Amino acid sequence: MTEPSRQSDASSSILGERLALGYQFHIAPSREQAMREAAPHYEENMKMVGELRLVRALTDEQIAAMRDPRLAGTANSRRSRTR
């Protein structure tokens, strides 16, 4: 048997239902170094969740740019340039 589809009405949802949280951290000798080292991984994460429209601050142009590897690059290509 399949579960009946849920109503999309927000009033029928339970507090915390369909909620996902993510927490990332990076430890380095200084805040500036940690931000520099973590930036490529943060950008990779933005490429993943941006396409899903989970980050409302991103514009359509920014999302389109993240699809283009010539503009967005990858964490590995940026990491080699920051060393």
Protein backbone atom coordinates (compact mmCIF):
# COMPACT_ATOMS: atom_id res chain seq x y z
CA MET A 1 0.00 0.00 0.00
CA THR A 2 1.14 3.51 -0.66
CA GLU A 3 0.87 6.39 1.73
CA PRO A 4 -1.77 8.92 0.67
CA SER A 5 -0.30 12.15 -0.64
CA ARG A 6 0.01 14.91 1.93
CA GLN A 7 -1.91 18.11 1.58
CA SER A 8 0.21 21.12 0.72
CA ASP A 9 -1.79 23.21 3.20
CA ALA A 10 0.64 24.59 5.80
CA SER A 11 -2.02 24.45 8.50
CA SER A 12 -1.98 20.64 8.39
CA SER A 13 1.78 20.34 8.96
CA ILE A 14 3.43 19.66 12.30
CA LEU A 15 6.06 22.04 13.67
CA GLY A 16 9.46 20.83 12.44
CA GLU A 17 8.00 18.52 9.82
CA ARG A 18 9.93 18.49 6.53
CA LEU A 19 12.76 20.48 8.12
CA ALA A 20 16.41 19.92 7.30
CA LEU A 21 19.33 21.67 8.95
CA GLY A 22 22.93 21.74 7.87
CA TYR A 23 25.88 22.98 9.89
CA GLN A 24 29.41 23.28 8.59
CA PHE A 25 32.57 24.51 10.25
CA HIS A 26 36.27 24.77 9.45
CA ILE A 27 39.09 25.16 11.95
CA ALA A 28 42.27 27.06 11.07
CA PRO A 29 44.83 29.19 12.94
CA SER A 30 42.94 32.41 12.10
CA ARG A 31 39.42 33.38 11.08
CA GLU A 32 40.69 34.85 7.82
CA GLN A 33 42.56 31.67 6.91
CA ALA A 34 39.55 29.51 7.78
CA MET A 35 37.28 31.61 5.59
CA ARG A 36 39.78 31.50 2.72
CA GLU A 37 40.15 27.72 2.97
CA ALA A 38 36.43 27.03 3.41
CA ALA A 39 35.22 29.35 0.63
CA PRO A 40 35.57 26.82 -2.24
CA HIS A 41 33.52 24.24 -0.32
CA TYR A 42 30.87 26.81 0.58
CA GLU A 43 30.62 27.74 -3.11
CA GLU A 44 30.20 24.06 -4.05
CA ASN A 45 27.38 23.83 -1.53
CA MET A 46 25.75 26.94 -3.03
CA LYS A 47 25.89 25.34 -6.48
CA MET A 48 24.02 22.34 -5.10
CA VAL A 49 21.30 24.11 -3.10
CA GLY A 50 21.02 27.16 -5.37
CA GLU A 51 19.58 25.07 -8.17
CA LEU A 52 16.91 23.87 -5.74
CA ARG A 53 16.05 27.49 -4.85
CA LEU A 54 16.83 26.84 -1.19
CA VAL A 55 18.83 30.09 -0.95
CA ARG A 56 16.34 32.84 -1.66
CA ALA A 57 19.03 35.53 -1.87
CA LEU A 58 20.40 34.08 -5.14
CA THR A 59 19.18 35.73 -8.33
CA ASP A 60 18.32 33.83 -11.51
CA GLU A 61 21.51 35.21 -13.08
CA GLN A 62 23.65 33.87 -10.21
CA ILE A 63 22.03 30.45 -10.46
CA ALA A 64 22.62 30.41 -14.23
CA ALA A 65 26.28 31.36 -13.69
CA MET A 66 26.72 28.47 -11.23
CA ARG A 67 25.72 26.05 -14.00
CA ASP A 68 28.61 27.22 -16.19
CA PRO A 69 31.88 25.51 -15.16
CA ARG A 70 33.90 28.27 -16.86
CA LEU A 71 32.38 30.80 -14.47
CA ALA A 72 31.81 28.72 -11.35
CA GLY A 73 34.80 26.38 -11.37
CA THR A 74 35.08 23.66 -8.74
CA ALA A 75 36.41 23.40 -5.20
CA ASN A 76 39.45 21.48 -6.45
CA SER A 77 40.37 24.03 -9.12
CA ARG A 78 40.05 26.94 -6.66
CA ARG A 79 41.90 25.11 -3.89
CA SER A 80 44.97 24.68 -6.08
CA ARG A 81 45.01 28.42 -6.87
CA THR A 82 44.79 29.51 -3.19
CA ARG A 83 47.80 27.52 -2.04
